[in-house]
Amino acid sequence: MGLFNLVSGQVTCPRCGNAVDAEVETRLGYAHQASLRVGERYPWNHPAMPPRRPEGGNAVGDGYCVCPACGKDFFVNVVVETDVIRTLEHDATRPGVIPDG
C-alpha cells in the first residue's frame, strides 16, 4: 500500500446523489499521510527535497473516495489553484470499482 494524502470537503456522490463531506485519497504532490481540507494550502514537497511545485501552484490530481452515505466509491479530481485546494469534483470519466447492488 502506497502513501497518500487525505483531502476532506464537500462533493456530490454520483452513485446516490447526496452532497457529502468526503475524505478523498490523493497522491498529488508530496504524499505523506497529510490530512487536509478544501481551502488549505497544499504541500508540494518535503522541505529537504528538491522543489516539485507545479508552475503557478496549479494542478488537478487524481483522487478516490467511498461515499459515507451509500458506501459506493467514485473517482475525484482534486483541484489546486495557486497552492490552495479549491474544490473536489467527481471525475465522470472513471467509473467506481465497488459494484451496485
N, C-alpha and C. Protein backbone atom coordinates (compact mmCIF):
# COMPACT_ATOMS: atom_id res chain seq x y z
N MET A 1 0.84 -1.18 0.00
CA MET A 1 0.00 0.00 0.00
C MET A 1 0.88 1.24 0.00
N GLY A 2 0.62 2.15 -0.92
CA GLY A 2 1.42 3.36 -1.02
C GLY A 2 0.91 4.47 -0.12
N LEU A 3 1.71 5.51 -0.01
CA LEU A 3 1.31 6.67 0.77
C LEU A 3 0.40 7.56 -0.05
N PHE A 4 -0.48 8.26 0.64
CA PHE A 4 -1.38 9.21 0.01
C PHE A 4 -1.71 10.29 1.03
N ASN A 5 -2.31 11.37 0.57
CA ASN A 5 -2.84 12.41 1.45
C ASN A 5 -4.35 12.30 1.46
N LEU A 6 -4.98 12.73 2.54
CA LEU A 6 -6.43 12.77 2.64
C LEU A 6 -6.88 14.22 2.55
N VAL A 7 -7.80 14.49 1.61
CA VAL A 7 -8.38 15.82 1.47
C VAL A 7 -9.86 15.70 1.78
N SER A 8 -10.34 16.45 2.77
CA SER A 8 -11.74 16.43 3.16
C SER A 8 -12.46 17.65 2.59
N GLY A 9 -13.69 17.42 2.16
CA GLY A 9 -14.51 18.52 1.65
C GLY A 9 -15.81 18.02 1.07
N GLN A 10 -16.64 18.95 0.67
CA GLN A 10 -17.94 18.63 0.09
C GLN A 10 -17.79 18.16 -1.36
N VAL A 11 -18.52 17.11 -1.68
CA VAL A 11 -18.59 16.60 -3.05
C VAL A 11 -19.93 15.89 -3.18
N THR A 12 -20.51 15.91 -4.38
CA THR A 12 -21.76 15.19 -4.61
C THR A 12 -21.44 13.80 -5.12
N CYS A 13 -21.96 12.81 -4.42
CA CYS A 13 -21.74 11.42 -4.81
C CYS A 13 -22.54 11.13 -6.08
N PRO A 14 -21.88 10.66 -7.14
CA PRO A 14 -22.60 10.34 -8.36
C PRO A 14 -23.41 9.05 -8.26
N ARG A 15 -23.16 8.27 -7.23
CA ARG A 15 -23.82 6.98 -7.08
C ARG A 15 -25.17 7.12 -6.38
N CYS A 16 -25.25 8.04 -5.37
CA CYS A 16 -26.52 8.20 -4.63
C CYS A 16 -27.09 9.61 -4.74
N GLY A 17 -26.29 10.56 -5.24
CA GLY A 17 -26.78 11.92 -5.42
C GLY A 17 -26.69 12.81 -4.19
N ASN A 18 -26.20 12.30 -3.08
CA ASN A 18 -26.09 13.09 -1.85
C ASN A 18 -24.85 13.98 -1.88
N ALA A 19 -24.99 15.22 -1.39
CA ALA A 19 -23.84 16.08 -1.14
C ALA A 19 -23.28 15.66 0.21
N VAL A 20 -22.03 15.21 0.22
CA VAL A 20 -21.44 14.64 1.44
C VAL A 20 -20.10 15.30 1.75
N ASP A 21 -19.72 15.25 3.01
CA ASP A 21 -18.38 15.66 3.42
C ASP A 21 -17.53 14.40 3.33
N ALA A 22 -16.73 14.31 2.29
CA ALA A 22 -15.99 13.08 1.99
C ALA A 22 -14.51 13.24 2.29
N GLU A 23 -13.84 12.11 2.49
CA GLU A 23 -12.39 12.05 2.59
C GLU A 23 -11.87 11.43 1.30
N VAL A 24 -11.06 12.19 0.58
CA VAL A 24 -10.55 11.76 -0.71
C VAL A 24 -9.06 11.44 -0.58
N GLU A 25 -8.67 10.25 -1.03
CA GLU A 25 -7.26 9.86 -1.06
C GLU A 25 -6.65 10.39 -2.35
N THR A 26 -5.49 11.04 -2.25
CA THR A 26 -4.79 11.52 -3.44
C THR A 26 -3.29 11.37 -3.26
N ARG A 27 -2.61 11.15 -4.34
CA ARG A 27 -1.14 11.05 -4.34
C ARG A 27 -0.52 12.27 -5.00
N LEU A 28 -1.27 13.32 -5.12
CA LEU A 28 -0.79 14.57 -5.71
C LEU A 28 0.31 15.17 -4.85
N GLY A 29 1.39 15.62 -5.47
CA GLY A 29 2.48 16.28 -4.75
C GLY A 29 3.18 15.35 -3.78
N TYR A 30 3.53 15.89 -2.63
CA TYR A 30 4.26 15.14 -1.60
C TYR A 30 3.24 14.35 -0.78
N ALA A 31 3.13 13.05 -1.05
CA ALA A 31 2.17 12.19 -0.37
C ALA A 31 2.80 11.63 0.90
N HIS A 32 2.27 12.05 2.05
CA HIS A 32 2.86 11.64 3.32
C HIS A 32 1.81 11.52 4.43
N GLN A 33 0.62 11.07 4.08
CA GLN A 33 -0.46 10.86 5.05
C GLN A 33 -0.95 12.17 5.68
N ALA A 34 -0.82 13.28 4.97
CA ALA A 34 -1.32 14.55 5.49
C ALA A 34 -2.85 14.54 5.47
N SER A 35 -3.47 15.16 6.46
CA SER A 35 -4.92 15.36 6.49
C SER A 35 -5.19 16.82 6.21
N LEU A 36 -5.85 17.08 5.09
CA LEU A 36 -6.07 18.44 4.61
C LEU A 36 -7.55 18.67 4.35
N ARG A 37 -7.94 19.95 4.21
CA ARG A 37 -9.32 20.31 3.88
C ARG A 37 -9.32 21.26 2.69
N VAL A 38 -10.42 21.26 1.97
CA VAL A 38 -10.60 22.24 0.91
C VAL A 38 -10.42 23.62 1.55
N GLY A 39 -9.64 24.48 0.89
CA GLY A 39 -9.35 25.82 1.40
C GLY A 39 -7.98 25.94 2.02
N GLU A 40 -7.31 24.81 2.28
CA GLU A 40 -5.97 24.84 2.87
C GLU A 40 -4.89 24.79 1.80
N ARG A 41 -3.68 25.23 2.18
CA ARG A 41 -2.52 25.17 1.27
C ARG A 41 -2.13 23.71 1.06
N TYR A 42 -1.70 23.39 -0.17
CA TYR A 42 -1.31 22.02 -0.47
C TYR A 42 0.20 21.86 -0.34
N PRO A 43 0.67 20.78 0.31
CA PRO A 43 2.11 20.56 0.48
C PRO A 43 2.72 19.92 -0.77
N TRP A 44 3.48 20.67 -1.52
CA TRP A 44 4.04 20.12 -2.76
C TRP A 44 5.22 19.21 -2.51
N ASN A 45 6.05 19.51 -1.52
CA ASN A 45 7.21 18.64 -1.27
C ASN A 45 7.73 18.84 0.14
N HIS A 46 8.50 17.86 0.59
CA HIS A 46 9.16 17.92 1.89
C HIS A 46 10.22 19.02 1.84
N PRO A 47 10.41 19.75 2.93
CA PRO A 47 11.40 20.84 2.93
C PRO A 47 12.81 20.40 2.54
N ALA A 48 13.17 19.15 2.79
CA ALA A 48 14.52 18.68 2.48
C ALA A 48 14.63 18.14 1.04
N MET A 49 13.52 18.13 0.31
CA MET A 49 13.52 17.60 -1.06
C MET A 49 13.66 18.74 -2.07
N PRO A 50 14.11 18.42 -3.29
CA PRO A 50 14.13 19.44 -4.33
C PRO A 50 12.69 19.89 -4.63
N PRO A 51 12.50 21.14 -5.04
CA PRO A 51 11.16 21.65 -5.31
C PRO A 51 10.44 20.85 -6.41
N ARG A 52 9.15 20.53 -6.16
CA ARG A 52 8.33 19.84 -7.15
C ARG A 52 7.02 20.58 -7.37
N ARG A 53 6.98 21.85 -7.00
CA ARG A 53 5.77 22.64 -7.13
C ARG A 53 5.47 22.89 -8.60
N PRO A 54 4.23 22.62 -9.03
CA PRO A 54 3.89 22.89 -10.43
C PRO A 54 3.84 24.40 -10.69
N GLU A 55 3.99 24.78 -11.93
CA GLU A 55 4.00 26.19 -12.30
C GLU A 55 2.74 26.90 -11.77
N GLY A 56 2.96 27.99 -11.05
CA GLY A 56 1.86 28.77 -10.50
C GLY A 56 1.16 28.12 -9.32
N GLY A 57 1.60 26.91 -8.93
CA GLY A 57 0.95 26.20 -7.85
C GLY A 57 -0.40 25.64 -8.25
N ASN A 58 -0.57 25.38 -9.57
CA ASN A 58 -1.84 24.89 -10.10
C ASN A 58 -1.71 23.45 -10.56
N ALA A 59 -2.68 22.62 -10.15
CA ALA A 59 -2.68 21.22 -10.58
C ALA A 59 -4.05 20.61 -10.34
N VAL A 60 -4.33 19.57 -11.11
CA VAL A 60 -5.52 18.75 -10.87
C VAL A 60 -5.01 17.34 -10.66
N GLY A 61 -5.28 16.79 -9.47
CA GLY A 61 -4.78 15.47 -9.13
C GLY A 61 -5.90 14.45 -9.05
N ASP A 62 -5.53 13.19 -9.26
CA ASP A 62 -6.48 12.09 -9.14
C ASP A 62 -6.80 11.85 -7.67
N GLY A 63 -8.06 11.52 -7.41
CA GLY A 63 -8.48 11.19 -6.06
C GLY A 63 -9.47 10.04 -6.09
N TYR A 64 -9.64 9.41 -4.95
CA TYR A 64 -10.55 8.27 -4.82
C TYR A 64 -11.24 8.36 -3.46
N CYS A 65 -12.54 8.09 -3.43
CA CYS A 65 -13.22 8.08 -2.13
C CYS A 65 -14.39 7.10 -2.13
N VAL A 66 -14.82 6.78 -0.93
CA VAL A 66 -16.01 5.97 -0.72
C VAL A 66 -17.02 6.88 -0.05
N CYS A 67 -18.22 6.95 -0.60
CA CYS A 67 -19.26 7.82 -0.09
C CYS A 67 -19.67 7.38 1.32
N PRO A 68 -19.66 8.31 2.29
CA PRO A 68 -20.07 7.94 3.64
C PRO A 68 -21.58 7.70 3.75
N ALA A 69 -22.35 8.11 2.75
CA ALA A 69 -23.81 7.92 2.80
C ALA A 69 -24.23 6.56 2.24
N CYS A 70 -23.66 6.17 1.08
CA CYS A 70 -24.13 4.94 0.42
C CYS A 70 -23.10 3.82 0.41
N GLY A 71 -21.83 4.12 0.73
CA GLY A 71 -20.80 3.09 0.76
C GLY A 71 -20.25 2.72 -0.60
N LYS A 72 -20.65 3.43 -1.66
CA LYS A 72 -20.12 3.17 -3.00
C LYS A 72 -18.95 4.12 -3.26
N ASP A 73 -18.08 3.74 -4.18
CA ASP A 73 -16.89 4.53 -4.46
C ASP A 73 -17.03 5.33 -5.75
N PHE A 74 -16.15 6.31 -5.89
CA PHE A 74 -16.05 7.08 -7.14
C PHE A 74 -14.72 7.82 -7.15
N PHE A 75 -14.33 8.24 -8.34
CA PHE A 75 -13.07 8.96 -8.51
C PHE A 75 -13.34 10.46 -8.53
N VAL A 76 -12.32 11.20 -8.09
CA VAL A 76 -12.47 12.63 -7.86
C VAL A 76 -11.27 13.36 -8.46
N ASN A 77 -11.50 14.57 -8.96
CA ASN A 77 -10.42 15.48 -9.32
C ASN A 77 -10.21 16.42 -8.14
N VAL A 78 -8.98 16.47 -7.63
CA VAL A 78 -8.60 17.38 -6.56
C VAL A 78 -8.00 18.61 -7.25
N VAL A 79 -8.71 19.74 -7.17
CA VAL A 79 -8.31 20.94 -7.90
C VAL A 79 -7.56 21.88 -6.96
N VAL A 80 -6.28 22.16 -7.32
CA VAL A 80 -5.43 23.06 -6.54
C VAL A 80 -5.09 24.25 -7.44
N GLU A 81 -5.37 25.45 -6.94
CA GLU A 81 -5.05 26.69 -7.67
C GLU A 81 -4.25 27.60 -6.76
N THR A 82 -3.16 28.14 -7.28
CA THR A 82 -2.23 28.98 -6.52
C THR A 82 -1.94 28.41 -5.14
N ASP A 83 -1.63 27.11 -5.11
CA ASP A 83 -1.20 26.38 -3.91
C ASP A 83 -2.31 26.10 -2.90
N VAL A 84 -3.56 26.38 -3.23
CA VAL A 84 -4.67 26.17 -2.30
C VAL A 84 -5.65 25.16 -2.91
N ILE A 85 -6.10 24.21 -2.09
CA ILE A 85 -7.09 23.24 -2.54
C ILE A 85 -8.41 23.99 -2.71
N ARG A 86 -8.90 24.06 -3.94
CA ARG A 86 -10.10 24.86 -4.23
C ARG A 86 -11.38 24.04 -4.21
N THR A 87 -11.34 22.82 -4.77
CA THR A 87 -12.57 22.05 -4.86
C THR A 87 -12.28 20.58 -5.10
N LEU A 88 -13.27 19.77 -4.83
CA LEU A 88 -13.26 18.35 -5.16
C LEU A 88 -14.39 18.14 -6.16
N GLU A 89 -14.06 17.53 -7.32
CA GLU A 89 -15.05 17.35 -8.38
C GLU A 89 -15.09 15.88 -8.79
N HIS A 90 -16.29 15.35 -8.95
CA HIS A 90 -16.43 13.98 -9.44
C HIS A 90 -15.77 13.86 -10.81
N ASP A 91 -14.98 12.83 -11.02
CA ASP A 91 -14.35 12.54 -12.31
C ASP A 91 -15.27 11.59 -13.07
N ALA A 92 -16.09 12.16 -13.95
CA ALA A 92 -17.10 11.38 -14.67
C ALA A 92 -16.49 10.46 -15.72
N THR A 93 -15.19 10.58 -15.98
CA THR A 93 -14.55 9.73 -16.99
C THR A 93 -14.14 8.37 -16.44
N ARG A 94 -14.23 8.20 -15.11
CA ARG A 94 -13.77 6.95 -14.48
C ARG A 94 -14.88 6.37 -13.61
N PRO A 95 -15.34 5.16 -13.91
CA PRO A 95 -16.39 4.56 -13.08
C PRO A 95 -15.82 4.04 -11.76
N GLY A 96 -16.67 3.92 -10.77
CA GLY A 96 -16.26 3.35 -9.50
C GLY A 96 -15.95 1.88 -9.63
N VAL A 97 -15.36 1.31 -8.59
CA VAL A 97 -14.95 -0.10 -8.59
C VAL A 97 -15.96 -0.98 -7.84
N ILE A 98 -16.54 -0.45 -6.76
CA ILE A 98 -17.50 -1.21 -5.96
C ILE A 98 -18.79 -1.38 -6.78
N PRO A 99 -19.24 -2.62 -6.99
CA PRO A 99 -20.43 -2.84 -7.82
C PRO A 99 -21.71 -2.35 -7.16
N ASP A 100 -22.68 -1.95 -7.98
CA ASP A 100 -24.01 -1.61 -7.47
C ASP A 100 -24.70 -2.88 -7.02
N GLY A 101 -25.64 -2.70 -6.08
CA GLY A 101 -26.45 -3.86 -5.70
C GLY A 101 -26.18 -4.43 -4.38
